[in-house]
Amino acid sequence: MTYQQMAARCSFERSITWWNKVRWNEIEDPPKRQLFPSLAKALEVSERRIAEMVAEQWCGVRPDDTVPEHLEVLVAVLRGVRRQDVPAIERIAQLLSDKYTAEIQVQSFVPVRGLGGAPYTVAQLQDMTEEELRRVAADVPLGRATVEDDPEAHALLDSVAGRADE
């Protein structure tokens, strides 16, 4: 269907240009509710669907949007907050969100295992310098590296753990 056909179907209550601008998200203000019947006729959908489309395009809300389960309790608590306290809560929530985002980014750069994603082997540990062994020994308890479950591998790490640079 062309923009001209859509304009004609809504009795030109919205122009061809308006339909084109809607397509390219160039309309700043949503259509008034009294236009919904004409728009529904033009698009051959229900007025309810027009309302959903307006909510989605101009407000970023979809009818199937839900609050994540882990936040439902928080939403219930927030209903009892005074309007003037909302900005403070938004700032706190933004700080916590930023913190979580930073943690995720850091985790994406920190190796969780040995070379190639597998635990370090005894052979790999034996090929390392003392400084490299010290780093691995420090990373294992933090979960940033793993070594194979071999007493010799753990003995190698124990031999350098806690040793200061000499």
Protein backbone atom coordinates (compact mmCIF):
# COMPACT_ATOMS: atom_id res chain seq x y z
CA MET A 1 0.00 0.00 0.00
CA THR A 2 1.34 3.45 -0.91
CA TYR A 3 1.35 6.56 1.26
CA GLN A 4 -1.21 8.05 -1.13
CA GLN A 5 -3.53 5.08 -0.61
CA MET A 6 -3.17 5.36 3.15
CA ALA A 7 -3.91 9.09 3.03
CA ALA A 8 -6.99 8.44 0.90
CA ARG A 9 -8.24 5.66 3.17
CA CYS A 10 -8.21 8.02 6.16
CA SER A 11 -10.02 10.70 4.15
CA PHE A 12 -6.81 12.69 3.95
CA GLU A 13 -6.96 13.51 7.68
CA ARG A 14 -3.23 12.70 7.45
CA SER A 15 -1.28 13.75 4.36
CA ILE A 16 0.94 11.66 2.12
CA THR A 17 3.92 13.53 3.57
CA TRP A 18 2.79 12.72 7.11
CA TRP A 19 2.65 8.99 6.31
CA ASN A 20 6.13 9.20 4.79
CA LYS A 21 7.47 10.99 7.86
CA VAL A 22 5.90 8.38 10.16
CA ARG A 23 7.73 5.70 8.19
CA TRP A 24 11.07 7.45 8.76
CA ASN A 25 10.37 8.34 12.44
CA GLU A 26 10.35 12.05 11.62
CA ILE A 27 7.08 12.87 13.43
CA GLU A 28 7.85 14.23 16.89
CA ASP A 29 4.36 14.25 18.38
CA PRO A 30 2.10 11.20 18.34
CA PRO A 31 -1.24 11.40 16.53
CA LYS A 32 -4.20 12.52 18.63
CA ARG A 33 -6.57 9.84 19.87
CA GLN A 34 -9.41 11.20 17.73
CA LEU A 35 -7.37 10.21 14.63
CA PHE A 36 -7.16 6.55 15.65
CA PRO A 37 -10.36 5.50 13.81
CA SER A 38 -9.10 7.02 10.54
CA LEU A 39 -5.64 5.53 10.97
CA ALA A 40 -7.15 2.14 11.78
CA LYS A 41 -9.21 2.31 8.61
CA ALA A 42 -6.19 3.29 6.54
CA LEU A 43 -4.06 0.46 7.89
CA GLU A 44 -6.91 -2.04 8.12
CA VAL A 45 -6.27 -2.76 11.80
CA SER A 46 -8.21 -2.17 15.01
CA GLU A 47 -8.09 1.10 16.91
CA ARG A 48 -6.50 -0.84 19.77
CA ARG A 49 -3.68 -1.87 17.43
CA ILE A 50 -3.22 1.79 16.44
CA ALA A 51 -2.94 2.69 20.14
CA GLU A 52 -0.34 -0.08 20.58
CA MET A 53 1.62 1.14 17.55
CA VAL A 54 1.61 4.73 18.86
CA ALA A 55 2.74 3.55 22.30
CA GLU A 56 5.54 1.56 20.72
CA GLN A 57 6.81 4.22 18.32
CA TRP A 58 6.51 7.29 20.55
CA CYS A 59 6.89 5.83 24.04
CA GLY A 60 9.00 2.73 23.44
CA VAL A 61 6.39 0.54 25.17
CA ARG A 62 4.98 -2.69 23.76
CA PRO A 63 1.88 -4.52 25.00
CA ASP A 64 4.01 -7.59 25.71
CA ASP A 65 6.57 -5.63 27.79
CA THR A 66 6.81 -6.97 31.31
CA VAL A 67 8.80 -6.16 34.40
CA PRO A 68 11.61 -8.70 34.83
CA GLU A 69 10.72 -11.17 37.56
CA HIS A 70 13.65 -10.18 39.78
CA LEU A 71 12.36 -6.56 39.80
CA GLU A 72 8.68 -7.23 40.56
CA VAL A 73 9.21 -6.85 44.33
CA LEU A 74 11.02 -3.56 43.72
CA VAL A 75 8.13 -2.24 41.63
CA ALA A 76 5.74 -3.05 44.47
CA VAL A 77 7.94 -1.17 46.94
CA LEU A 78 8.34 1.81 44.59
CA ARG A 79 4.58 2.33 44.46
CA GLY A 80 4.86 3.69 48.01
CA VAL A 81 7.59 6.24 47.20
CA ARG A 82 6.87 9.96 47.21
CA ARG A 83 7.11 11.63 43.81
CA GLN A 84 9.92 13.96 44.94
CA ASP A 85 12.05 10.94 45.96
CA VAL A 86 11.91 9.35 42.49
CA PRO A 87 14.95 11.26 41.11
CA ALA A 88 17.12 10.00 43.99
CA ILE A 89 15.99 6.43 43.35
CA GLU A 90 16.67 6.85 39.63
CA ARG A 91 20.22 8.04 40.41
CA ILE A 92 20.84 5.09 42.72
CA ALA A 93 19.43 2.64 40.18
CA GLN A 94 21.59 4.20 37.43
CA LEU A 95 24.72 3.89 39.59
CA LEU A 96 23.94 0.23 40.29
CA SER A 97 23.24 -0.39 36.61
CA ASP A 98 26.52 1.30 35.64
CA LYS A 99 28.36 -0.80 38.24
CA TYR A 100 26.84 -4.01 36.86
CA THR A 101 27.71 -2.99 33.29
CA ALA A 102 31.30 -2.28 34.31
CA GLU A 103 31.57 -5.64 36.07
CA ILE A 104 30.31 -7.43 32.96
CA GLN A 105 32.81 -5.55 30.79
CA VAL A 106 35.68 -6.38 33.13
CA GLN A 107 34.69 -10.05 33.18
CA SER A 108 34.74 -10.11 29.39
CA PHE A 109 38.42 -9.12 29.44
CA VAL A 110 39.55 -11.36 32.31
CA PRO A 111 40.52 -14.88 31.37
CA VAL A 112 38.57 -17.39 33.41
CA ARG A 113 40.77 -20.34 32.57
CA GLY A 114 44.17 -21.13 31.23
CA LEU A 115 45.35 -20.77 27.65
CA GLY A 116 42.72 -21.47 25.01
CA GLY A 117 39.92 -21.58 27.59
CA ALA A 118 41.08 -24.83 29.21
CA PRO A 119 42.76 -25.14 32.61
CA TYR A 120 46.53 -24.65 32.66
CA THR A 121 48.37 -27.95 32.36
CA VAL A 122 51.48 -28.99 34.27
CA ALA A 123 53.48 -28.65 31.04
CA GLN A 124 52.23 -25.08 30.49
CA LEU A 125 53.02 -24.15 34.08
CA GLN A 126 56.53 -25.62 33.79
CA ASP A 127 57.19 -23.44 30.72
CA MET A 128 56.28 -20.24 32.58
CA THR A 129 58.63 -17.76 34.18
CA GLU A 130 58.45 -17.36 37.94
CA GLU A 131 56.60 -14.04 37.46
CA GLU A 132 54.01 -15.68 35.20
CA LEU A 133 53.56 -18.49 37.73
CA ARG A 134 53.07 -15.89 40.48
CA ARG A 135 50.32 -14.21 38.44
CA VAL A 136 48.52 -17.50 37.81
CA ALA A 137 48.88 -18.43 41.50
CA ALA A 138 47.28 -15.10 42.43
CA ASP A 139 44.49 -15.51 39.84
CA VAL A 140 43.41 -19.06 40.77
CA PRO A 141 41.84 -18.19 44.17
CA LEU A 142 40.05 -15.24 42.53
CA GLY A 143 38.53 -17.48 39.88
CA ARG A 144 40.32 -15.70 37.04
CA ALA A 145 42.35 -18.80 36.12
CA THR A 146 42.18 -22.55 36.66
CA VAL A 147 44.75 -25.31 36.61
CA GLU A 148 44.27 -28.99 35.94
CA ASP A 149 43.54 -31.11 38.99
CA ASP A 150 47.04 -32.49 39.36
CA PRO A 151 49.12 -32.36 42.57
CA GLU A 152 52.19 -31.33 40.57
CA ALA A 153 50.34 -28.31 39.09
CA HIS A 154 49.26 -27.16 42.55
CA ALA A 155 52.77 -27.77 43.91
CA LEU A 156 54.22 -25.51 41.20
CA LEU A 157 51.81 -22.71 42.16
CA ASP A 158 52.40 -23.25 45.88
CA SER A 159 56.13 -22.90 45.30
CA VAL A 160 55.77 -19.31 44.08
CA ALA A 161 52.63 -18.17 45.94
CA GLY A 162 53.36 -15.39 48.37
CA ARG A 163 56.98 -15.04 47.29
CA ALA A 164 58.00 -11.42 46.88
CA ASP A 165 60.08 -10.31 43.93
CA GLU A 166 63.69 -10.93 44.93
